[in-house]
Amino acid sequence: MIGIFDSGLGGLTVVREVMARLPGYDLIYFGDTARTPYGPKSPETVIQYAVQIAKWLLDNGAQVIVVACNTASSVATEALRQRFGVPIFEVVSPAVRLVIQNSHIRSVGIIGTRATINSGIYEKMIKAERPEVKIYSRECPLLVPLVEEGWLKKPETKRIVKKYLYPLKLKQIDTLILGCTHYPILKDIIQIKIGKRVRIIDSSQTIAESIKYFLKDHPETEGMLSRNSDHRLYVSDITGHFKQIAQDILRIPVKLEHVRL
């Protein structure tokens, strides 16, 4: 079983892409909706949450862990790898690899939570391989709460996205990394506000591709994973609109189960 977790419902964008690329594989998802957002929290707190959730996923049948949260990926990946002896996937490296491998990319914008941007992880990893690339980062702390509240088509959301992206638009970036798995839910708005000529790198798509190729190259791990099309979705807090948001993201009827860690 593939275990996937996020600070809230945004990680369901990763679930959607994994289901599309690896149909039939059993999935277990945990969205920490009671403690979202992770972005304003300290690295120590995020690491504590990530370790707790990963252990719960493994105890409930997961054989691999997918950190579908850029904040947790930025600060907790090493702690998870040191503690758990299973494959750990995170959302930062696949997006970075796309930039490194594409020589046409010259100017990159990165949007993410405060914790992700403050970690500087995208800049460090890109600059280590391609120091000539110009990088501009932008904190967007309001976007996760807007998604979690289901304000996807509100005019306020469009104005906030425009305000966040305007400084990056002035820099005439050619590529924009969505440094949070909640942001693909707003991708259509983001594309309009940043401009059609800017390529958007969707971290939910790049990590799904990364998992697919890893399993192809590691048949011993792939052989451990069950394939009964069993998709189990858990959240740490549940309200009526969460189910609707989850269905909008996955585009199928869903059953959300509430669990307290």
C-alpha atoms as a PDB file:
ATOM      1  CA  MET A   1       0.000   0.000   0.000  1.00  0.00           C
ATOM      2  CA  ILE A   2       1.221   3.507  -0.845  1.00  0.00           C
ATOM      3  CA  GLY A   3       0.937   5.869   2.119  1.00  0.00           C
ATOM      4  CA  ILE A   4       0.474   9.568   1.339  1.00  0.00           C
ATOM      5  CA  PHE A   5       0.101  12.461   3.752  1.00  0.00           C
ATOM      6  CA  ASP A   6      -0.315  16.229   3.727  1.00  0.00           C
ATOM      7  CA  SER A   7      -1.124  19.044   6.122  1.00  0.00           C
ATOM      8  CA  GLY A   8      -4.696  19.054   4.796  1.00  0.00           C
ATOM      9  CA  LEU A   9      -6.622  18.232   1.650  1.00  0.00           C
ATOM     10  CA  GLY A  10      -4.130  19.634  -0.876  1.00  0.00           C
ATOM     11  CA  GLY A  11      -2.220  16.348  -0.939  1.00  0.00           C
ATOM     12  CA  LEU A  12      -5.212  14.806  -2.653  1.00  0.00           C
ATOM     13  CA  THR A  13      -3.798  16.387  -5.824  1.00  0.00           C
ATOM     14  CA  VAL A  14      -0.923  13.904  -5.403  1.00  0.00           C
ATOM     15  CA  VAL A  15      -3.409  11.074  -4.795  1.00  0.00           C
ATOM     16  CA  ARG A  16      -5.188  12.049  -8.019  1.00  0.00           C
ATOM     17  CA  GLU A  17      -1.978  12.011 -10.060  1.00  0.00           C
ATOM     18  CA  VAL A  18      -0.750   8.736  -8.492  1.00  0.00           C
ATOM     19  CA  MET A  19      -4.112   7.101  -9.247  1.00  0.00           C
ATOM     20  CA  ALA A  20      -3.833   8.282 -12.864  1.00  0.00           C
ATOM     21  CA  ARG A  21      -0.278   6.976 -13.352  1.00  0.00           C
ATOM     22  CA  LEU A  22      -0.453   3.875 -11.154  1.00  0.00           C
ATOM     23  CA  PRO A  23      -4.047   2.658 -11.528  1.00  0.00           C
ATOM     24  CA  GLY A  24      -5.097  -0.156  -9.238  1.00  0.00           C
ATOM     25  CA  TYR A  25      -2.479   0.344  -6.534  1.00  0.00           C
ATOM     26  CA  ASP A  26      -3.879   0.497  -3.016  1.00  0.00           C
ATOM     27  CA  LEU A  27      -3.515   3.905  -1.358  1.00  0.00           C
ATOM     28  CA  ILE A  28      -3.925   5.200   2.167  1.00  0.00           C
ATOM     29  CA  TYR A  29      -4.084   8.963   2.645  1.00  0.00           C
ATOM     30  CA  PHE A  30      -3.934  11.068   5.778  1.00  0.00           C
ATOM     31  CA  GLY A  31      -4.803  14.775   5.700  1.00  0.00           C
ATOM     32  CA  ASP A  32      -3.965  16.609   8.908  1.00  0.00           C
ATOM     33  CA  THR A  33      -6.929  18.965   8.636  1.00  0.00           C
ATOM     34  CA  ALA A  34      -7.062  19.552  12.413  1.00  0.00           C
ATOM     35  CA  ARG A  35      -3.588  21.130  12.402  1.00  0.00           C
ATOM     36  CA  THR A  36      -3.430  22.764   8.978  1.00  0.00           C
ATOM     37  CA  PRO A  37      -1.682  24.900   7.801  1.00  0.00           C
ATOM     38  CA  TYR A  38       1.878  23.718   8.492  1.00  0.00           C
ATOM     39  CA  GLY A  39       3.485  26.740   6.816  1.00  0.00           C
ATOM     40  CA  PRO A  40       3.501  29.113   9.838  1.00  0.00           C
ATOM     41  CA  LYS A  41       4.671  26.395  12.258  1.00  0.00           C
ATOM     42  CA  SER A  42       8.239  25.809  13.449  1.00  0.00           C
ATOM     43  CA  PRO A  43      10.404  23.131  11.779  1.00  0.00           C
ATOM     44  CA  GLU A  44      10.459  21.191  15.064  1.00  0.00           C
ATOM     45  CA  THR A  45       6.664  21.049  15.167  1.00  0.00           C
ATOM     46  CA  VAL A  46       6.375  20.010  11.510  1.00  0.00           C
ATOM     47  CA  ILE A  47       8.946  17.231  12.041  1.00  0.00           C
ATOM     48  CA  GLN A  48       6.981  16.003  15.059  1.00  0.00           C
ATOM     49  CA  TYR A  49       3.755  15.896  13.042  1.00  0.00           C
ATOM     50  CA  ALA A  50       5.414  14.206  10.058  1.00  0.00           C
ATOM     51  CA  VAL A  51       6.992  11.442  12.155  1.00  0.00           C
ATOM     52  CA  GLN A  52       3.702  10.838  13.950  1.00  0.00           C
ATOM     53  CA  ILE A  53       1.717  10.568  10.715  1.00  0.00           C
ATOM     54  CA  ALA A  54       4.296   8.420   8.916  1.00  0.00           C
ATOM     55  CA  LYS A  55       4.279   5.955  11.812  1.00  0.00           C
ATOM     56  CA  TRP A  56       0.474   5.817  11.689  1.00  0.00           C
ATOM     57  CA  LEU A  57       0.514   5.130   7.938  1.00  0.00           C
ATOM     58  CA  LEU A  58       3.063   2.340   8.339  1.00  0.00           C
ATOM     59  CA  ASP A  59       1.097   0.832  11.225  1.00  0.00           C
ATOM     60  CA  ASN A  60      -1.944   0.813   8.932  1.00  0.00           C
ATOM     61  CA  GLY A  61      -0.374  -1.046   6.046  1.00  0.00           C
ATOM     62  CA  ALA A  62       1.769   1.401   4.059  1.00  0.00           C
ATOM     63  CA  GLN A  63       5.047   0.050   2.628  1.00  0.00           C
ATOM     64  CA  VAL A  64       6.205   3.375   1.160  1.00  0.00           C
ATOM     65  CA  ILE A  65       5.633   6.936   2.353  1.00  0.00           C
ATOM     66  CA  VAL A  66       4.872   9.912   0.103  1.00  0.00           C
ATOM     67  CA  VAL A  67       5.247  13.317   1.753  1.00  0.00           C
ATOM     68  CA  ALA A  68       2.638  15.240  -0.256  1.00  0.00           C
ATOM     69  CA  CYS A  69       3.390  18.459   1.584  1.00  0.00           C
ATOM     70  CA  ASN A  70       6.106  20.883   0.539  1.00  0.00           C
ATOM     71  CA  THR A  71       6.503  22.258   4.044  1.00  0.00           C
ATOM     72  CA  ALA A  72       7.053  18.800   5.535  1.00  0.00           C
ATOM     73  CA  SER A  73       9.220  17.820   2.547  1.00  0.00           C
ATOM     74  CA  SER A  74      11.407  20.870   3.141  1.00  0.00           C
ATOM     75  CA  VAL A  75      12.075  20.301   6.835  1.00  0.00           C
ATOM     76  CA  ALA A  76      11.168  16.707   7.767  1.00  0.00           C
ATOM     77  CA  THR A  77      12.377  14.396   4.978  1.00  0.00           C
ATOM     78  CA  GLU A  78      15.752  13.591   6.541  1.00  0.00           C
ATOM     79  CA  ALA A  79      14.158  12.897   9.928  1.00  0.00           C
ATOM     80  CA  LEU A  80      11.739  10.487   8.280  1.00  0.00           C
ATOM     81  CA  ARG A  81      14.490   8.690   6.366  1.00  0.00           C
ATOM     82  CA  GLN A  82      16.594   8.333   9.491  1.00  0.00           C
ATOM     83  CA  ARG A  83      13.704   6.900  11.484  1.00  0.00           C
ATOM     84  CA  PHE A  84      11.900   4.640   9.005  1.00  0.00           C
ATOM     85  CA  GLY A  85      13.487   1.997   6.791  1.00  0.00           C
ATOM     86  CA  VAL A  86      11.088   2.340   3.864  1.00  0.00           C
ATOM     87  CA  PRO A  87      11.229   4.356   0.625  1.00  0.00           C
ATOM     88  CA  ILE A  88      10.349   7.988   1.373  1.00  0.00           C
ATOM     89  CA  PHE A  89       9.249  10.249  -1.488  1.00  0.00           C
ATOM     90  CA  GLU A  90       9.049  14.037  -1.191  1.00  0.00           C
ATOM     91  CA  VAL A  91       7.685  16.682  -3.530  1.00  0.00           C
ATOM     92  CA  VAL A  92      10.676  19.025  -3.806  1.00  0.00           C
ATOM     93  CA  SER A  93      13.294  16.949  -5.649  1.00  0.00           C
ATOM     94  CA  PRO A  94      11.187  15.942  -8.701  1.00  0.00           C
ATOM     95  CA  ALA A  95      10.290  19.580  -9.446  1.00  0.00           C
ATOM     96  CA  VAL A  96      13.907  20.663  -8.991  1.00  0.00           C
ATOM     97  CA  ARG A  97      15.089  17.885 -11.300  1.00  0.00           C
ATOM     98  CA  LEU A  98      12.799  19.189 -14.048  1.00  0.00           C
ATOM     99  CA  VAL A  99      14.455  22.616 -13.818  1.00  0.00           C
ATOM    100  CA  ILE A 100      17.971  21.194 -13.745  1.00  0.00           C
ATOM    101  CA  GLN A 101      17.380  19.012 -16.799  1.00  0.00           C
ATOM    102  CA  ASN A 102      15.787  21.751 -18.930  1.00  0.00           C
ATOM    103  CA  SER A 103      18.487  24.095 -20.230  1.00  0.00           C
ATOM    104  CA  HIS A 104      15.838  26.452 -21.665  1.00  0.00           C
ATOM    105  CA  ILE A 105      14.715  27.413 -18.177  1.00  0.00           C
ATOM    106  CA  ARG A 106      16.569  30.579 -17.179  1.00  0.00           C
ATOM    107  CA  SER A 107      14.382  32.417 -14.652  1.00  0.00           C
ATOM    108  CA  VAL A 108      12.299  30.592 -12.038  1.00  0.00           C
ATOM    109  CA  GLY A 109       9.613  31.789  -9.660  1.00  0.00           C
ATOM    110  CA  ILE A 110       8.744  29.728  -6.602  1.00  0.00           C
ATOM    111  CA  ILE A 111       5.579  30.132  -4.572  1.00  0.00           C
ATOM    112  CA  GLY A 112       5.005  28.284  -1.316  1.00  0.00           C
ATOM    113  CA  THR A 113       4.184  28.488   2.348  1.00  0.00           C
ATOM    114  CA  ARG A 114       6.297  30.610   4.669  1.00  0.00           C
ATOM    115  CA  ALA A 115       8.137  27.545   6.014  1.00  0.00           C
ATOM    116  CA  THR A 116       8.946  26.207   2.544  1.00  0.00           C
ATOM    117  CA  ILE A 117      10.203  29.552   1.253  1.00  0.00           C
ATOM    118  CA  ASN A 118      12.198  30.272   4.420  1.00  0.00           C
ATOM    119  CA  SER A 119      13.905  26.883   4.165  1.00  0.00           C
ATOM    120  CA  GLY A 120      15.460  27.973   0.841  1.00  0.00           C
ATOM    121  CA  ILE A 121      15.480  24.349  -0.256  1.00  0.00           C
ATOM    122  CA  TYR A 122      14.476  24.981  -3.882  1.00  0.00           C
ATOM    123  CA  GLU A 123      17.127  27.660  -4.338  1.00  0.00           C
ATOM    124  CA  LYS A 124      19.857  25.508  -2.758  1.00  0.00           C
ATOM    125  CA  MET A 125      19.079  22.462  -4.853  1.00  0.00           C
ATOM    126  CA  ILE A 126      18.711  24.341  -8.145  1.00  0.00           C
ATOM    127  CA  LYS A 127      21.774  26.544  -7.624  1.00  0.00           C
ATOM    128  CA  ALA A 128      23.912  23.520  -6.746  1.00  0.00           C
ATOM    129  CA  GLU A 129      23.476  22.227 -10.300  1.00  0.00           C
ATOM    130  CA  ARG A 130      22.613  25.350 -12.293  1.00  0.00           C
ATOM    131  CA  PRO A 131      24.036  28.441 -10.587  1.00  0.00           C
ATOM    132  CA  GLU A 132      23.208  30.640 -13.588  1.00  0.00           C
ATOM    133  CA  VAL A 133      19.442  30.269 -13.130  1.00  0.00           C
ATOM    134  CA  LYS A 134      17.743  33.313 -11.629  1.00  0.00           C
ATOM    135  CA  ILE A 135      15.396  32.411  -8.779  1.00  0.00           C
ATOM    136  CA  TYR A 136      12.683  34.518  -7.173  1.00  0.00           C
ATOM    137  CA  SER A 137      10.666  33.208  -4.226  1.00  0.00           C
ATOM    138  CA  ARG A 138       7.364  34.391  -2.850  1.00  0.00           C
ATOM    139  CA  GLU A 139       5.518  33.429   0.330  1.00  0.00           C
ATOM    140  CA  CYS A 140       1.784  32.901  -0.224  1.00  0.00           C
ATOM    141  CA  PRO A 141       0.445  32.135   3.275  1.00  0.00           C
ATOM    142  CA  LEU A 142      -3.232  32.763   2.499  1.00  0.00           C
ATOM    143  CA  LEU A 143      -3.596  30.258  -0.330  1.00  0.00           C
ATOM    144  CA  VAL A 144      -3.735  27.089   1.779  1.00  0.00           C
ATOM    145  CA  PRO A 145      -6.543  28.399   4.054  1.00  0.00           C
ATOM    146  CA  LEU A 146      -8.463  29.586   0.982  1.00  0.00           C
ATOM    147  CA  VAL A 147      -8.265  26.110  -0.566  1.00  0.00           C
ATOM    148  CA  GLU A 148      -9.173  24.392   2.705  1.00  0.00           C
ATOM    149  CA  GLU A 149     -12.208  26.664   2.994  1.00  0.00           C
ATOM    150  CA  GLY A 150     -13.263  25.835  -0.550  1.00  0.00           C
ATOM    151  CA  TRP A 151     -12.966  29.450  -1.768  1.00  0.00           C
ATOM    152  CA  LEU A 152     -11.780  28.302  -5.178  1.00  0.00           C
ATOM    153  CA  LYS A 153     -13.923  30.596  -7.316  1.00  0.00           C
ATOM    154  CA  LYS A 154     -14.291  33.572  -5.007  1.00  0.00           C
ATOM    155  CA  PRO A 155     -13.228  36.973  -6.416  1.00  0.00           C
ATOM    156  CA  GLU A 156     -11.207  37.502  -3.217  1.00  0.00           C
ATOM    157  CA  THR A 157      -9.107  34.445  -4.057  1.00  0.00           C
ATOM    158  CA  LYS A 158      -8.401  35.731  -7.565  1.00  0.00           C
ATOM    159  CA  ARG A 159      -7.331  39.123  -6.180  1.00  0.00           C
ATOM    160  CA  ILE A 160      -5.027  37.527  -3.604  1.00  0.00           C
ATOM    161  CA  VAL A 161      -3.412  35.268  -6.218  1.00  0.00           C
ATOM    162  CA  LYS A 162      -2.858  38.291  -8.466  1.00  0.00           C
ATOM    163  CA  LYS A 163      -1.275  40.255  -5.606  1.00  0.00           C
ATOM    164  CA  TYR A 164       1.086  37.405  -4.706  1.00  0.00           C
ATOM    165  CA  LEU A 165       2.158  36.797  -8.312  1.00  0.00           C
ATOM    166  CA  TYR A 166       2.574  40.411  -9.413  1.00  0.00           C
ATOM    167  CA  PRO A 167       6.217  40.782  -8.183  1.00  0.00           C
ATOM    168  CA  LEU A 168       7.144  37.558 -10.014  1.00  0.00           C
ATOM    169  CA  LYS A 169       5.423  38.766 -13.170  1.00  0.00           C
ATOM    170  CA  LEU A 170       7.531  41.928 -13.059  1.00  0.00           C
ATOM    171  CA  LYS A 171      10.664  39.736 -12.998  1.00  0.00           C
ATOM    172  CA  GLN A 172       9.549  38.158 -16.312  1.00  0.00           C
ATOM    173  CA  ILE A 173      10.081  34.603 -15.107  1.00  0.00           C
ATOM    174  CA  ASP A 174       9.775  31.819 -17.667  1.00  0.00           C
ATOM    175  CA  THR A 175       8.892  29.060 -15.166  1.00  0.00           C
ATOM    176  CA  LEU A 176       6.812  28.953 -11.990  1.00  0.00           C
ATOM    177  CA  ILE A 177       7.115  26.135  -9.455  1.00  0.00           C
ATOM    178  CA  LEU A 178       3.991  25.455  -7.419  1.00  0.00           C
ATOM    179  CA  GLY A 179       5.780  24.811  -4.153  1.00  0.00           C
ATOM    180  CA  CYS A 180       2.709  23.511  -2.345  1.00  0.00           C
ATOM    181  CA  THR A 181       0.399  20.644  -3.273  1.00  0.00           C
ATOM    182  CA  HIS A 182      -2.630  22.813  -2.473  1.00  0.00           C
ATOM    183  CA  TYR A 183      -1.717  25.176  -5.299  1.00  0.00           C
ATOM    184  CA  PRO A 184      -2.562  22.889  -8.263  1.00  0.00           C
ATOM    185  CA  ILE A 185      -6.190  23.277  -7.176  1.00  0.00           C
ATOM    186  CA  LEU A 186      -5.777  26.958  -8.103  1.00  0.00           C
ATOM    187  CA  LYS A 187      -3.648  26.282 -11.187  1.00  0.00           C
ATOM    188  CA  ASP A 188      -6.099  27.730 -13.711  1.00  0.00           C
ATOM    189  CA  ILE A 189      -6.259  31.016 -11.782  1.00  0.00           C
ATOM    190  CA  ILE A 190      -2.487  31.033 -11.273  1.00  0.00           C
ATOM    191  CA  GLN A 191      -1.856  30.495 -15.002  1.00  0.00           C
ATOM    192  CA  ILE A 192      -4.126  33.393 -15.940  1.00  0.00           C
ATOM    193  CA  LYS A 193      -2.546  35.760 -13.392  1.00  0.00           C
ATOM    194  CA  ILE A 194       1.087  34.869 -14.158  1.00  0.00           C
ATOM    195  CA  GLY A 195       0.593  34.797 -17.944  1.00  0.00           C
ATOM    196  CA  LYS A 196       0.259  32.107 -20.588  1.00  0.00           C
ATOM    197  CA  ARG A 197       3.923  32.193 -21.607  1.00  0.00           C
ATOM    198  CA  VAL A 198       5.075  31.060 -18.148  1.00  0.00           C
ATOM    199  CA  ARG A 199       5.476  27.312 -17.746  1.00  0.00           C
ATOM    200  CA  ILE A 200       4.008  25.971 -14.519  1.00  0.00           C
ATOM    201  CA  ILE A 201       5.678  23.037 -12.767  1.00  0.00           C
ATOM    202  CA  ASP A 202       3.034  21.149 -10.803  1.00  0.00           C
ATOM    203  CA  SER A 203       4.702  19.277  -7.926  1.00  0.00           C
ATOM    204  CA  SER A 204       1.801  16.828  -7.653  1.00  0.00           C
ATOM    205  CA  GLN A 205       2.485  15.659 -11.215  1.00  0.00           C
ATOM    206  CA  THR A 206       6.264  15.504 -10.897  1.00  0.00           C
ATOM    207  CA  ILE A 207       6.183  13.406  -7.709  1.00  0.00           C
ATOM    208  CA  ALA A 208       3.668  10.977  -9.231  1.00  0.00           C
ATOM    209  CA  GLU A 209       6.002  10.504 -12.209  1.00  0.00           C
ATOM    210  CA  SER A 210       8.916   9.997  -9.816  1.00  0.00           C
ATOM    211  CA  ILE A 211       7.063   7.257  -7.903  1.00  0.00           C
ATOM    212  CA  LYS A 212       6.079   5.542 -11.145  1.00  0.00           C
ATOM    213  CA  TYR A 213       9.651   5.367 -12.426  1.00  0.00           C
ATOM    214  CA  PHE A 214      11.019   4.315  -9.022  1.00  0.00           C
ATOM    215  CA  LEU A 215       8.671   1.339  -8.874  1.00  0.00           C
ATOM    216  CA  LYS A 216       9.580   0.382 -12.437  1.00  0.00           C
ATOM    217  CA  ASP A 217      13.272   0.385 -11.490  1.00  0.00           C
ATOM    218  CA  HIS A 218      12.732  -1.358  -8.120  1.00  0.00           C
ATOM    219  CA  PRO A 219      10.596  -4.464  -8.710  1.00  0.00           C
ATOM    220  CA  GLU A 220      11.321  -5.721  -5.198  1.00  0.00           C
ATOM    221  CA  THR A 221       9.426  -2.726  -3.772  1.00  0.00           C
ATOM    222  CA  GLU A 222       6.748  -2.780  -6.455  1.00  0.00           C
ATOM    223  CA  GLY A 223       6.082  -6.454  -5.708  1.00  0.00           C
ATOM    224  CA  MET A 224       5.250  -5.614  -2.090  1.00  0.00           C
ATOM    225  CA  LEU A 225       2.425  -3.273  -3.046  1.00  0.00           C
ATOM    226  CA  SER A 226      -1.127  -4.600  -3.229  1.00  0.00           C
ATOM    227  CA  ARG A 227      -3.306  -3.798  -6.243  1.00  0.00           C
ATOM    228  CA  ASN A 228      -6.969  -4.071  -5.278  1.00  0.00           C
ATOM    229  CA  SER A 229      -7.962  -0.463  -6.134  1.00  0.00           C
ATOM    230  CA  ASP A 230      -8.487   0.106  -2.412  1.00  0.00           C
ATOM    231  CA  HIS A 231      -8.271   3.838  -1.667  1.00  0.00           C
ATOM    232  CA  ARG A 232      -8.631   4.800   1.998  1.00  0.00           C
ATOM    233  CA  LEU A 233      -8.843   8.481   2.919  1.00  0.00           C
ATOM    234  CA  TYR A 234      -8.442   9.725   6.498  1.00  0.00           C
ATOM    235  CA  VAL A 235      -8.442  13.199   8.042  1.00  0.00           C
ATOM    236  CA  SER A 236      -7.752  14.417  11.571  1.00  0.00           C
ATOM    237  CA  ASP A 237     -10.786  16.726  11.522  1.00  0.00           C
ATOM    238  CA  ILE A 238     -13.863  16.557   9.339  1.00  0.00           C
ATOM    239  CA  THR A 239     -16.544  19.020   8.342  1.00  0.00           C
ATOM    240  CA  GLY A 240     -19.252  18.891   5.715  1.00  0.00           C
ATOM    241  CA  HIS A 241     -17.407  20.945   3.110  1.00  0.00           C
ATOM    242  CA  PHE A 242     -14.240  18.797   3.339  1.00  0.00           C
ATOM    243  CA  LYS A 243     -15.998  15.955   1.526  1.00  0.00           C
ATOM    244  CA  GLN A 244     -17.081  18.269  -1.276  1.00  0.00           C
ATOM    245  CA  ILE A 245     -13.556  19.670  -1.656  1.00  0.00           C
ATOM    246  CA  ALA A 246     -12.124  16.134  -1.717  1.00  0.00           C
ATOM    247  CA  GLN A 247     -14.592  15.106  -4.416  1.00  0.00           C
ATOM    248  CA  ASP A 248     -13.793  18.202  -6.446  1.00  0.00           C
ATOM    249  CA  ILE A 249     -10.085  17.355  -6.293  1.00  0.00           C
ATOM    250  CA  LEU A 250     -10.347  13.617  -7.011  1.00  0.00           C
ATOM    251  CA  ARG A 251     -13.334  13.957  -9.368  1.00  0.00           C
ATOM    252  CA  ILE A 252     -14.928  10.805  -7.947  1.00  0.00           C
ATOM    253  CA  PRO A 253     -17.239  10.087  -4.997  1.00  0.00           C
ATOM    254  CA  VAL A 254     -15.177   9.773  -1.817  1.00  0.00           C
ATOM    255  CA  LYS A 255     -15.554   8.571   1.743  1.00  0.00           C
ATOM    256  CA  LEU A 256     -13.544  10.527   4.298  1.00  0.00           C
ATOM    257  CA  GLU A 257     -12.890   8.800   7.616  1.00  0.00           C
ATOM    258  CA  HIS A 258     -12.076  10.698  10.784  1.00  0.00           C
ATOM    259  CA  VAL A 259      -9.182   9.506  12.955  1.00  0.00           C
ATOM    260  CA  ARG A 260      -7.481  11.074  15.955  1.00  0.00           C
ATOM    261  CA  LEU A 261      -3.734  10.578  16.234  1.00  0.00           C
END
